[in-house]
Amino acid sequence: MTHHSLVPQAPALRLPVAQIRQVFRPADVERKLARLQEAGNQREYEALRTVYERMLERGPSAFRSSPRACPTWPACMTSCPISPRCWTT
């Protein structure tokens, strides 16, 4: 038995505004962290070492958004149910 929806379904809205991107190369961070540890003056570079370790823990990928990267932004604004006066450019 097949089911048909009585309510028409709108096509899914796809906006190329945000995506997961690689923001650093782990090999570079590992190399810089090794240099810091070899430098010997641990107290002076403690904060930087902590940042590098956190970067490696969390990984190189981050969710980044960029509305300016969307070529259809004006078309999106006009099709939005919210008043265009609410949008700032």
C-alpha atoms as a PDB file:
ATOM      1  CA  MET A   1       0.000   0.000   0.000  1.00  0.00           C
ATOM      2  CA  THR A   2       1.357   3.400  -0.912  1.00  0.00           C
ATOM      3  CA  HIS A   3       0.770   6.552   1.090  1.00  0.00           C
ATOM      4  CA  HIS A   4       0.343   9.970  -0.459  1.00  0.00           C
ATOM      5  CA  SER A   5       0.603  13.155   1.496  1.00  0.00           C
ATOM      6  CA  LEU A   6      -2.295  15.548   1.122  1.00  0.00           C
ATOM      7  CA  VAL A   7      -0.034  18.429   2.069  1.00  0.00           C
ATOM      8  CA  PRO A   8       2.408  19.390  -0.673  1.00  0.00           C
ATOM      9  CA  GLN A   9       6.018  19.243   0.400  1.00  0.00           C
ATOM     10  CA  ALA A  10       8.298  22.108  -0.513  1.00  0.00           C
ATOM     11  CA  PRO A  11      11.734  21.141  -1.777  1.00  0.00           C
ATOM     12  CA  ALA A  12      14.421  21.225   0.875  1.00  0.00           C
ATOM     13  CA  LEU A  13      16.120  24.577   1.165  1.00  0.00           C
ATOM     14  CA  ARG A  14      19.872  24.275   0.716  1.00  0.00           C
ATOM     15  CA  LEU A  15      22.047  27.223   1.574  1.00  0.00           C
ATOM     16  CA  PRO A  16      25.783  26.983   0.885  1.00  0.00           C
ATOM     17  CA  VAL A  17      26.444  29.395   3.739  1.00  0.00           C
ATOM     18  CA  ALA A  18      28.132  27.141   6.268  1.00  0.00           C
ATOM     19  CA  GLN A  19      30.181  23.996   6.189  1.00  0.00           C
ATOM     20  CA  ILE A  20      32.793  22.103   8.127  1.00  0.00           C
ATOM     21  CA  ARG A  21      36.254  23.233   7.083  1.00  0.00           C
ATOM     22  CA  GLN A  22      39.783  22.324   8.047  1.00  0.00           C
ATOM     23  CA  VAL A  23      41.222  25.325   9.886  1.00  0.00           C
ATOM     24  CA  PHE A  24      44.751  24.024  10.550  1.00  0.00           C
ATOM     25  CA  ARG A  25      47.104  21.214   9.617  1.00  0.00           C
ATOM     26  CA  PRO A  26      47.679  18.859  12.581  1.00  0.00           C
ATOM     27  CA  ALA A  27      51.212  18.007  11.392  1.00  0.00           C
ATOM     28  CA  ASP A  28      52.187  21.686  11.599  1.00  0.00           C
ATOM     29  CA  VAL A  29      50.787  22.031  15.119  1.00  0.00           C
ATOM     30  CA  GLU A  30      52.526  18.841  16.273  1.00  0.00           C
ATOM     31  CA  ARG A  31      55.834  20.113  14.843  1.00  0.00           C
ATOM     32  CA  LYS A  32      55.479  23.482  16.616  1.00  0.00           C
ATOM     33  CA  LEU A  33      54.501  21.785  19.863  1.00  0.00           C
ATOM     34  CA  ALA A  34      57.604  19.581  19.667  1.00  0.00           C
ATOM     35  CA  ARG A  35      59.761  22.673  19.145  1.00  0.00           C
ATOM     36  CA  LEU A  36      58.260  24.305  22.223  1.00  0.00           C
ATOM     37  CA  GLN A  37      58.956  21.251  24.337  1.00  0.00           C
ATOM     38  CA  GLU A  38      62.549  21.162  23.065  1.00  0.00           C
ATOM     39  CA  ALA A  39      63.046  24.864  23.878  1.00  0.00           C
ATOM     40  CA  GLY A  40      63.230  24.027  27.550  1.00  0.00           C
ATOM     41  CA  ASN A  41      61.708  27.214  28.977  1.00  0.00           C
ATOM     42  CA  GLN A  42      58.377  25.556  29.805  1.00  0.00           C
ATOM     43  CA  ARG A  43      57.039  28.339  31.992  1.00  0.00           C
ATOM     44  CA  GLU A  44      57.410  31.031  29.334  1.00  0.00           C
ATOM     45  CA  TYR A  45      55.538  29.055  26.662  1.00  0.00           C
ATOM     46  CA  GLU A  46      53.010  27.283  28.892  1.00  0.00           C
ATOM     47  CA  ALA A  47      49.988  29.154  27.496  1.00  0.00           C
ATOM     48  CA  LEU A  48      51.012  28.535  23.885  1.00  0.00           C
ATOM     49  CA  ARG A  49      51.691  24.862  24.593  1.00  0.00           C
ATOM     50  CA  THR A  50      48.217  24.561  26.143  1.00  0.00           C
ATOM     51  CA  VAL A  51      46.632  26.120  23.054  1.00  0.00           C
ATOM     52  CA  TYR A  52      48.465  23.716  20.743  1.00  0.00           C
ATOM     53  CA  GLU A  53      47.402  20.727  22.864  1.00  0.00           C
ATOM     54  CA  ARG A  54      43.766  21.847  22.807  1.00  0.00           C
ATOM     55  CA  MET A  55      43.924  22.281  19.045  1.00  0.00           C
ATOM     56  CA  LEU A  56      45.158  18.713  18.652  1.00  0.00           C
ATOM     57  CA  GLU A  57      42.497  17.397  21.054  1.00  0.00           C
ATOM     58  CA  ARG A  58      39.630  19.063  19.217  1.00  0.00           C
ATOM     59  CA  GLY A  59      40.885  18.332  15.731  1.00  0.00           C
ATOM     60  CA  PRO A  60      41.411  20.452  12.653  1.00  0.00           C
ATOM     61  CA  SER A  61      37.776  20.672  11.545  1.00  0.00           C
ATOM     62  CA  ALA A  62      35.469  23.493  12.546  1.00  0.00           C
ATOM     63  CA  PHE A  63      31.992  24.579  11.550  1.00  0.00           C
ATOM     64  CA  ARG A  64      32.445  27.869   9.730  1.00  0.00           C
ATOM     65  CA  SER A  65      29.776  30.138   8.347  1.00  0.00           C
ATOM     66  CA  SER A  66      30.205  32.831   5.758  1.00  0.00           C
ATOM     67  CA  PRO A  67      27.045  34.522   4.454  1.00  0.00           C
ATOM     68  CA  ARG A  68      29.107  36.452   1.919  1.00  0.00           C
ATOM     69  CA  ALA A  69      30.121  33.148   0.331  1.00  0.00           C
ATOM     70  CA  CYS A  70      26.522  32.541  -0.690  1.00  0.00           C
ATOM     71  CA  PRO A  71      26.021  33.776  -4.276  1.00  0.00           C
ATOM     72  CA  THR A  72      22.233  33.673  -3.939  1.00  0.00           C
ATOM     73  CA  TRP A  73      21.992  35.750  -0.764  1.00  0.00           C
ATOM     74  CA  PRO A  74      19.788  38.505  -2.323  1.00  0.00           C
ATOM     75  CA  ALA A  75      17.413  35.851  -3.693  1.00  0.00           C
ATOM     76  CA  CYS A  76      17.306  34.203  -0.278  1.00  0.00           C
ATOM     77  CA  MET A  77      16.457  37.518   1.380  1.00  0.00           C
ATOM     78  CA  THR A  78      13.543  38.145  -0.977  1.00  0.00           C
ATOM     79  CA  SER A  79      12.117  34.660  -0.482  1.00  0.00           C
ATOM     80  CA  CYS A  80      12.341  34.856   3.297  1.00  0.00           C
ATOM     81  CA  PRO A  81       8.995  35.264   5.085  1.00  0.00           C
ATOM     82  CA  ILE A  82      10.541  37.851   7.393  1.00  0.00           C
ATOM     83  CA  SER A  83      10.416  41.443   6.256  1.00  0.00           C
ATOM     84  CA  PRO A  84      13.553  42.495   4.318  1.00  0.00           C
ATOM     85  CA  ARG A  85      13.753  45.520   6.615  1.00  0.00           C
ATOM     86  CA  CYS A  86      14.982  43.129   9.335  1.00  0.00           C
ATOM     87  CA  TRP A  87      18.062  42.187   7.327  1.00  0.00           C
ATOM     88  CA  THR A  88      21.243  44.172   7.596  1.00  0.00           C
ATOM     89  CA  THR A  89      23.786  44.122   4.831  1.00  0.00           C
END
